Amino acid sequence: MSVATVPVVRARPATLFELEELEGLPCGCVTVTYRARPWGVAVVSLEAKGPHCTLAGHGPGEILLLGDPAELEAGEDVR
């Protein structure tokens, strides 16, 4: 009598955000554009503050834009 083996399938965790683009700003800060996969929404946030940036609104983790990815591709300025 043989014993059947059942393969173990491990599910890969779903990715909530997918990196789209990194961009350096003139002030030295770095923005990152993510796409929220389940909803198709683009999120642009400040990833790193430049060492000499004097802009009060620039802080790591600040959301600069939240919206439709088509609007981002149309060339909207997020600064």
PDB file of N, CA and C in Angstrom:
ATOM      1  N   MET A   1       0.837  -1.158   0.000  1.00  0.00           N
ATOM      2  CA  MET A   1       0.000   0.000   0.000  1.00  0.00           C
ATOM      3  C   MET A   1       0.898   1.243   0.000  1.00  0.00           C
ATOM      4  N   SER A   2       0.624   2.180  -0.910  1.00  0.00           N
ATOM      5  CA  SER A   2       1.450   3.385  -0.972  1.00  0.00           C
ATOM      6  C   SER A   2       0.724   4.555  -0.315  1.00  0.00           C
ATOM      7  N   VAL A   3       1.499   5.460   0.193  1.00  0.00           N
ATOM      8  CA  VAL A   3       0.947   6.644   0.847  1.00  0.00           C
ATOM      9  C   VAL A   3       1.122   7.824  -0.100  1.00  0.00           C
ATOM     10  N   ALA A   4       0.045   8.483  -0.407  1.00  0.00           N
ATOM     11  CA  ALA A   4       0.112   9.651  -1.297  1.00  0.00           C
ATOM     12  C   ALA A   4       0.581  10.856  -0.499  1.00  0.00           C
ATOM     13  N   THR A   5       1.459  11.623  -1.116  1.00  0.00           N
ATOM     14  CA  THR A   5       1.913  12.844  -0.459  1.00  0.00           C
ATOM     15  C   THR A   5       1.227  14.038  -1.112  1.00  0.00           C
ATOM     16  N   VAL A   6       0.890  14.971  -0.290  1.00  0.00           N
ATOM     17  CA  VAL A   6       0.231  16.190  -0.762  1.00  0.00           C
ATOM     18  C   VAL A   6       1.260  17.311  -0.713  1.00  0.00           C
ATOM     19  N   PRO A   7       1.498  17.966  -1.855  1.00  0.00           N
ATOM     20  CA  PRO A   7       2.484  19.052  -1.829  1.00  0.00           C
ATOM     21  C   PRO A   7       1.978  20.237  -0.999  1.00  0.00           C
ATOM     22  N   VAL A   8       2.893  20.852  -0.306  1.00  0.00           N
ATOM     23  CA  VAL A   8       2.562  22.020   0.498  1.00  0.00           C
ATOM     24  C   VAL A   8       2.744  23.251  -0.375  1.00  0.00           C
ATOM     25  N   VAL A   9       1.702  24.043  -0.483  1.00  0.00           N
ATOM     26  CA  VAL A   9       1.750  25.262  -1.283  1.00  0.00           C
ATOM     27  C   VAL A   9       1.749  26.439  -0.325  1.00  0.00           C
ATOM     28  N   ARG A  10       2.770  27.247  -0.428  1.00  0.00           N
ATOM     29  CA  ARG A  10       2.864  28.435   0.429  1.00  0.00           C
ATOM     30  C   ARG A  10       2.465  29.656  -0.401  1.00  0.00           C
ATOM     31  N   ALA A  11       1.499  30.376   0.093  1.00  0.00           N
ATOM     32  CA  ALA A  11       1.033  31.566  -0.617  1.00  0.00           C
ATOM     33  C   ALA A  11       1.991  32.721  -0.366  1.00  0.00           C
ATOM     34  N   ARG A  12       2.309  33.428  -1.426  1.00  0.00           N
ATOM     35  CA  ARG A  12       3.135  34.629  -1.304  1.00  0.00           C
ATOM     36  C   ARG A  12       2.247  35.769  -0.821  1.00  0.00           C
ATOM     37  N   PRO A  13       2.714  36.550   0.158  1.00  0.00           N
ATOM     38  CA  PRO A  13       1.859  37.646   0.635  1.00  0.00           C
ATOM     39  C   PRO A  13       1.571  38.652  -0.482  1.00  0.00           C
ATOM     40  N   ALA A  14       0.360  39.137  -0.495  1.00  0.00           N
ATOM     41  CA  ALA A  14      -0.034  40.120  -1.517  1.00  0.00           C
ATOM     42  C   ALA A  14       0.697  41.434  -1.276  1.00  0.00           C
ATOM     43  N   THR A  15       1.150  42.053  -2.351  1.00  0.00           N
ATOM     44  CA  THR A  15       1.825  43.334  -2.258  1.00  0.00           C
ATOM     45  C   THR A  15       0.791  44.439  -2.283  1.00  0.00           C
ATOM     46  N   LEU A  16       0.771  45.243  -1.239  1.00  0.00           N
ATOM     47  CA  LEU A  16      -0.194  46.325  -1.157  1.00  0.00           C
ATOM     48  C   LEU A  16       0.263  47.525  -1.984  1.00  0.00           C
ATOM     49  N   PHE A  17       1.541  47.874  -1.871  1.00  0.00           N
ATOM     50  CA  PHE A  17       2.083  49.004  -2.624  1.00  0.00           C
ATOM     51  C   PHE A  17       3.200  48.524  -3.540  1.00  0.00           C
ATOM     52  N   GLU A  18       3.227  49.060  -4.744  1.00  0.00           N
ATOM     53  CA  GLU A  18       4.273  48.730  -5.710  1.00  0.00           C
ATOM     54  C   GLU A  18       5.023  50.017  -6.054  1.00  0.00           C
ATOM     55  N   LEU A  19       6.356  49.966  -5.972  1.00  0.00           N
ATOM     56  CA  LEU A  19       7.182  51.125  -6.269  1.00  0.00           C
ATOM     57  C   LEU A  19       7.081  51.466  -7.745  1.00  0.00           C
ATOM     58  N   GLU A  20       6.815  52.727  -8.037  1.00  0.00           N
ATOM     59  CA  GLU A  20       6.718  53.201  -9.413  1.00  0.00           C
ATOM     60  C   GLU A  20       7.947  54.021  -9.802  1.00  0.00           C
ATOM     61  N   GLU A  21       8.342  54.980  -8.939  1.00  0.00           N
ATOM     62  CA  GLU A  21       9.400  55.905  -9.331  1.00  0.00           C
ATOM     63  C   GLU A  21       9.999  56.594  -8.100  1.00  0.00           C
ATOM     64  N   LEU A  22      11.297  56.848  -8.157  1.00  0.00           N
ATOM     65  CA  LEU A  22      11.997  57.691  -7.194  1.00  0.00           C
ATOM     66  C   LEU A  22      12.424  58.951  -7.935  1.00  0.00           C
ATOM     67  N   GLU A  23      12.305  60.106  -7.277  1.00  0.00           N
ATOM     68  CA  GLU A  23      12.690  61.353  -7.937  1.00  0.00           C
ATOM     69  C   GLU A  23      13.336  62.288  -6.926  1.00  0.00           C
ATOM     70  N   GLY A  24      14.463  62.887  -7.324  1.00  0.00           N
ATOM     71  CA  GLY A  24      15.126  63.886  -6.499  1.00  0.00           C
ATOM     72  C   GLY A  24      14.566  65.267  -6.809  1.00  0.00           C
ATOM     73  N   LEU A  25      14.284  66.036  -5.781  1.00  0.00           N
ATOM     74  CA  LEU A  25      13.771  67.393  -5.945  1.00  0.00           C
ATOM     75  C   LEU A  25      14.933  68.388  -5.891  1.00  0.00           C
ATOM     76  N   PRO A  26      14.748  69.597  -6.420  1.00  0.00           N
ATOM     77  CA  PRO A  26      15.817  70.604  -6.402  1.00  0.00           C
ATOM     78  C   PRO A  26      16.307  70.948  -4.982  1.00  0.00           C
ATOM     79  N   CYS A  27      15.448  70.782  -3.974  1.00  0.00           N
ATOM     80  CA  CYS A  27      15.832  71.100  -2.594  1.00  0.00           C
ATOM     81  C   CYS A  27      16.677  70.001  -1.956  1.00  0.00           C
ATOM     82  N   GLY A  28      16.835  68.874  -2.656  1.00  0.00           N
ATOM     83  CA  GLY A  28      17.617  67.764  -2.128  1.00  0.00           C
ATOM     84  C   GLY A  28      16.770  66.644  -1.546  1.00  0.00           C
ATOM     85  N   CYS A  29      15.481  66.864  -1.420  1.00  0.00           N
ATOM     86  CA  CYS A  29      14.583  65.823  -0.910  1.00  0.00           C
ATOM     87  C   CYS A  29      14.338  64.773  -1.993  1.00  0.00           C
ATOM     88  N   VAL A  30      13.879  63.614  -1.571  1.00  0.00           N
ATOM     89  CA  VAL A  30      13.593  62.518  -2.503  1.00  0.00           C
ATOM     90  C   VAL A  30      12.134  62.118  -2.338  1.00  0.00           C
ATOM     91  N   THR A  31      11.409  62.076  -3.464  1.00  0.00           N
ATOM     92  CA  THR A  31      10.022  61.596  -3.440  1.00  0.00           C
ATOM     93  C   THR A  31       9.972  60.192  -4.015  1.00  0.00           C
ATOM     94  N   VAL A  32       8.950  59.479  -3.603  1.00  0.00           N
ATOM     95  CA  VAL A  32       8.723  58.141  -4.137  1.00  0.00           C
ATOM     96  C   VAL A  32       7.252  58.049  -4.533  1.00  0.00           C
ATOM     97  N   THR A  33       7.027  57.422  -5.686  1.00  0.00           N
ATOM     98  CA  THR A  33       5.661  57.198  -6.148  1.00  0.00           C
ATOM     99  C   THR A  33       5.354  55.715  -6.026  1.00  0.00           C
ATOM    100  N   TYR A  34       4.308  55.408  -5.287  1.00  0.00           N
ATOM    101  CA  TYR A  34       3.827  54.037  -5.121  1.00  0.00           C
ATOM    102  C   TYR A  34       2.468  53.930  -5.790  1.00  0.00           C
ATOM    103  N   ARG A  35       2.100  52.721  -6.144  1.00  0.00           N
ATOM    104  CA  ARG A  35       0.739  52.461  -6.621  1.00  0.00           C
ATOM    105  C   ARG A  35       0.116  51.467  -5.650  1.00  0.00           C
ATOM    106  N   ALA A  36      -1.035  51.846  -5.104  1.00  0.00           N
ATOM    107  CA  ALA A  36      -1.782  50.958  -4.220  1.00  0.00           C
ATOM    108  C   ALA A  36      -2.557  49.991  -5.098  1.00  0.00           C
ATOM    109  N   ARG A  37      -2.071  48.781  -5.219  1.00  0.00           N
ATOM    110  CA  ARG A  37      -2.604  47.800  -6.165  1.00  0.00           C
ATOM    111  C   ARG A  37      -4.097  47.501  -6.021  1.00  0.00           C
ATOM    112  N   PRO A  38      -4.587  47.258  -4.830  1.00  0.00           N
ATOM    113  CA  PRO A  38      -6.007  46.885  -4.772  1.00  0.00           C
ATOM    114  C   PRO A  38      -6.948  47.961  -5.297  1.00  0.00           C
ATOM    115  N   TRP A  39      -6.534  49.237  -5.199  1.00  0.00           N
ATOM    116  CA  TRP A  39      -7.428  50.326  -5.573  1.00  0.00           C
ATOM    117  C   TRP A  39      -6.971  51.071  -6.818  1.00  0.00           C
ATOM    118  N   GLY A  40      -5.749  50.844  -7.298  1.00  0.00           N
ATOM    119  CA  GLY A  40      -5.242  51.532  -8.478  1.00  0.00           C
ATOM    120  C   GLY A  40      -4.954  52.998  -8.231  1.00  0.00           C
ATOM    121  N   VAL A  41      -4.687  53.379  -6.993  1.00  0.00           N
ATOM    122  CA  VAL A  41      -4.448  54.767  -6.618  1.00  0.00           C
ATOM    123  C   VAL A  41      -2.947  55.000  -6.505  1.00  0.00           C
ATOM    124  N   ALA A  42      -2.495  56.162  -6.975  1.00  0.00           N
ATOM    125  CA  ALA A  42      -1.088  56.517  -6.852  1.00  0.00           C
ATOM    126  C   ALA A  42      -0.878  57.341  -5.585  1.00  0.00           C
ATOM    127  N   VAL A  43       0.250  57.096  -4.918  1.00  0.00           N
ATOM    128  CA  VAL A  43       0.613  57.821  -3.708  1.00  0.00           C
ATOM    129  C   VAL A  43       2.025  58.358  -3.911  1.00  0.00           C
ATOM    130  N   VAL A  44       2.194  59.677  -3.795  1.00  0.00           N
ATOM    131  CA  VAL A  44       3.513  60.289  -3.869  1.00  0.00           C
ATOM    132  C   VAL A  44       3.831  60.818  -2.484  1.00  0.00           C
ATOM    133  N   SER A  45       4.937  60.341  -1.925  1.00  0.00           N
ATOM    134  CA  SER A  45       5.313  60.791  -0.591  1.00  0.00           C
ATOM    135  C   SER A  45       6.772  61.199  -0.564  1.00  0.00           C
ATOM    136  N   LEU A  46       7.112  61.972   0.448  1.00  0.00           N
ATOM    137  CA  LEU A  46       8.492  62.395   0.632  1.00  0.00           C
ATOM    138  C   LEU A  46       9.207  61.272   1.374  1.00  0.00           C
ATOM    139  N   GLU A  47      10.176  60.664   0.732  1.00  0.00           N
ATOM    140  CA  GLU A  47      10.887  59.529   1.316  1.00  0.00           C
ATOM    141  C   GLU A  47      12.037  59.985   2.201  1.00  0.00           C
ATOM    142  N   ALA A  48      12.755  61.020   1.769  1.00  0.00           N
ATOM    143  CA  ALA A  48      13.901  61.502   2.540  1.00  0.00           C
ATOM    144  C   ALA A  48      14.014  63.013   2.392  1.00  0.00           C
ATOM    145  N   LYS A  49      14.262  63.685   3.506  1.00  0.00           N
ATOM    146  CA  LYS A  49      14.437  65.136   3.486  1.00  0.00           C
ATOM    147  C   LYS A  49      15.898  65.438   3.174  1.00  0.00           C
ATOM    148  N   GLY A  50      16.114  66.376   2.262  1.00  0.00           N
ATOM    149  CA  GLY A  50      17.465  66.779   1.908  1.00  0.00           C
ATOM    150  C   GLY A  50      18.175  67.417   3.089  1.00  0.00           C
ATOM    151  N   PRO A  51      19.486  67.259   3.202  1.00  0.00           N
ATOM    152  CA  PRO A  51      20.211  67.775   4.367  1.00  0.00           C
ATOM    153  C   PRO A  51      20.179  69.304   4.474  1.00  0.00           C
ATOM    154  N   HIS A  52      19.923  70.004   3.371  1.00  0.00           N
ATOM    155  CA  HIS A  52      19.907  71.464   3.396  1.00  0.00           C
ATOM    156  C   HIS A  52      18.542  72.048   3.034  1.00  0.00           C
ATOM    157  N   CYS A  53      17.512  71.215   3.010  1.00  0.00           N
ATOM    158  CA  CYS A  53      16.165  71.669   2.657  1.00  0.00           C
ATOM    159  C   CYS A  53      15.606  72.548   3.776  1.00  0.00           C
ATOM    160  N   THR A  54      15.066  73.704   3.404  1.00  0.00           N
ATOM    161  CA  THR A  54      14.503  74.637   4.382  1.00  0.00           C
ATOM    162  C   THR A  54      12.976  74.716   4.302  1.00  0.00           C
ATOM    163  N   LEU A  55      12.366  73.873   3.485  1.00  0.00           N
ATOM    164  CA  LEU A  55      10.909  73.900   3.322  1.00  0.00           C
ATOM    165  C   LEU A  55      10.235  73.219   4.509  1.00  0.00           C
ATOM    166  N   ALA A  56       9.369  73.955   5.197  1.00  0.00           N
ATOM    167  CA  ALA A  56       8.708  73.439   6.403  1.00  0.00           C
ATOM    168  C   ALA A  56       7.794  72.249   6.105  1.00  0.00           C
ATOM    169  N   GLY A  57       7.192  72.214   4.932  1.00  0.00           N
ATOM    170  CA  GLY A  57       6.267  71.137   4.588  1.00  0.00           C
ATOM    171  C   GLY A  57       6.940  69.844   4.176  1.00  0.00           C
ATOM    172  N   HIS A  58       8.263  69.845   4.094  1.00  0.00           N
ATOM    173  CA  HIS A  58       8.978  68.634   3.695  1.00  0.00           C
ATOM    174  C   HIS A  58       9.455  67.874   4.928  1.00  0.00           C
ATOM    175  N   GLY A  59       8.794  66.770   5.174  1.00  0.00           N
ATOM    176  CA  GLY A  59       9.177  65.893   6.271  1.00  0.00           C
ATOM    177  C   GLY A  59       9.030  64.461   5.806  1.00  0.00           C
ATOM    178  N   PRO A  60       9.911  63.575   6.229  1.00  0.00           N
ATOM    179  CA  PRO A  60       9.819  62.179   5.793  1.00  0.00           C
ATOM    180  C   PRO A  60       8.437  61.593   6.080  1.00  0.00           C
ATOM    181  N   GLY A  61       7.881  60.948   5.088  1.00  0.00           N
ATOM    182  CA  GLY A  61       6.573  60.320   5.229  1.00  0.00           C
ATOM    183  C   GLY A  61       5.407  61.214   4.855  1.00  0.00           C
ATOM    184  N   GLU A  62       5.663  62.479   4.544  1.00  0.00           N
ATOM    185  CA  GLU A  62       4.586  63.387   4.145  1.00  0.00           C
ATOM    186  C   GLU A  62       3.992  62.934   2.818  1.00  0.00           C
ATOM    187  N   ILE A  63       2.670  62.874   2.731  1.00  0.00           N
ATOM    188  CA  ILE A  63       1.979  62.537   1.491  1.00  0.00           C
ATOM    189  C   ILE A  63       1.851  63.827   0.673  1.00  0.00           C
ATOM    190  N   LEU A  64       2.450  63.839  -0.509  1.00  0.00           N
ATOM    191  CA  LEU A  64       2.403  65.015  -1.366  1.00  0.00           C
ATOM    192  C   LEU A  64       1.249  64.957  -2.360  1.00  0.00           C
ATOM    193  N   LEU A  65       0.876  63.747  -2.769  1.00  0.00           N
ATOM    194  CA  LEU A  65      -0.213  63.593  -3.730  1.00  0.00           C
ATOM    195  C   LEU A  65      -0.845  62.223  -3.553  1.00  0.00           C
ATOM    196  N   LEU A  66      -2.141  62.198  -3.617  1.00  0.00           N
ATOM    197  CA  LEU A  66      -2.898  60.953  -3.543  1.00  0.00           C
ATOM    198  C   LEU A  66      -3.968  61.051  -4.611  1.00  0.00           C
ATOM    199  N   GLY A  67      -3.937  60.148  -5.584  1.00  0.00           N
ATOM    200  CA  GLY A  67      -4.933  60.278  -6.631  1.00  0.00           C
ATOM    201  C   GLY A  67      -4.840  59.241  -7.713  1.00  0.00           C
ATOM    202  N   ASP A  68      -5.467  59.576  -8.827  1.00  0.00           N
ATOM    203  CA  ASP A  68      -5.559  58.713  -9.989  1.00  0.00           C
ATOM    204  C   ASP A  68      -4.209  58.654 -10.708  1.00  0.00           C
ATOM    205  N   PRO A  69      -3.688  57.447 -10.984  1.00  0.00           N
ATOM    206  CA  PRO A  69      -2.412  57.336 -11.690  1.00  0.00           C
ATOM    207  C   PRO A  69      -2.397  58.054 -13.034  1.00  0.00           C
ATOM    208  N   ALA A  70      -3.529  58.157 -13.720  1.00  0.00           N
ATOM    209  CA  ALA A  70      -3.584  58.850 -15.014  1.00  0.00           C
ATOM    210  C   ALA A  70      -3.263  60.335 -14.840  1.00  0.00           C
ATOM    211  N   GLU A  71      -3.640  60.917 -13.711  1.00  0.00           N
ATOM    212  CA  GLU A  71      -3.334  62.316 -13.445  1.00  0.00           C
ATOM    213  C   GLU A  71      -1.834  62.523 -13.285  1.00  0.00           C
ATOM    214  N   LEU A  72      -1.162  61.569 -12.662  1.00  0.00           N
ATOM    215  CA  LEU A  72       0.287  61.673 -12.489  1.00  0.00           C
ATOM    216  C   LEU A  72       0.987  61.595 -13.827  1.00  0.00           C
ATOM    217  N   GLU A  73       0.546  60.704 -14.690  1.00  0.00           N
ATOM    218  CA  GLU A  73       1.168  60.532 -15.992  1.00  0.00           C
ATOM    219  C   GLU A  73       0.923  61.743 -16.895  1.00  0.00           C
ATOM    220  N   ALA A  74      -0.096  62.522 -16.595  1.00  0.00           N
ATOM    221  CA  ALA A  74      -0.405  63.700 -17.398  1.00  0.00           C
ATOM    222  C   ALA A  74       0.560  64.842 -17.111  1.00  0.00           C
ATOM    223  N   GLY A  75       1.460  64.656 -16.138  1.00  0.00           N
ATOM    224  CA  GLY A  75       2.496  65.641 -15.884  1.00  0.00           C
ATOM    225  C   GLY A  75       2.171  66.637 -14.791  1.00  0.00           C
ATOM    226  N   GLU A  76       1.327  66.277 -13.840  1.00  0.00           N
ATOM    227  CA  GLU A  76       1.033  67.173 -12.726  1.00  0.00           C
ATOM    228  C   GLU A  76       2.289  67.388 -11.918  1.00  0.00           C
ATOM    229  N   ASP A  77       2.481  68.597 -11.440  1.00  0.00           N
ATOM    230  CA  ASP A  77       3.632  68.922 -10.619  1.00  0.00           C
ATOM    231  C   ASP A  77       3.284  68.638  -9.161  1.00  0.00           C
ATOM    232  N   VAL A  78       4.070  67.782  -8.490  1.00  0.00           N
ATOM    233  CA  VAL A  78       3.785  67.401  -7.109  1.00  0.00           C
ATOM    234  C   VAL A  78       4.579  68.225  -6.117  1.00  0.00           C
ATOM    235  N   ARG A  79       5.327  69.183  -6.568  1.00  0.00           N
ATOM    236  CA  ARG A  79       6.150  69.966  -5.640  1.00  0.00           C
ATOM    237  C   ARG A  79       5.410  71.147  -5.204  1.00  0.00           C
TER     238      ARG A  79
END
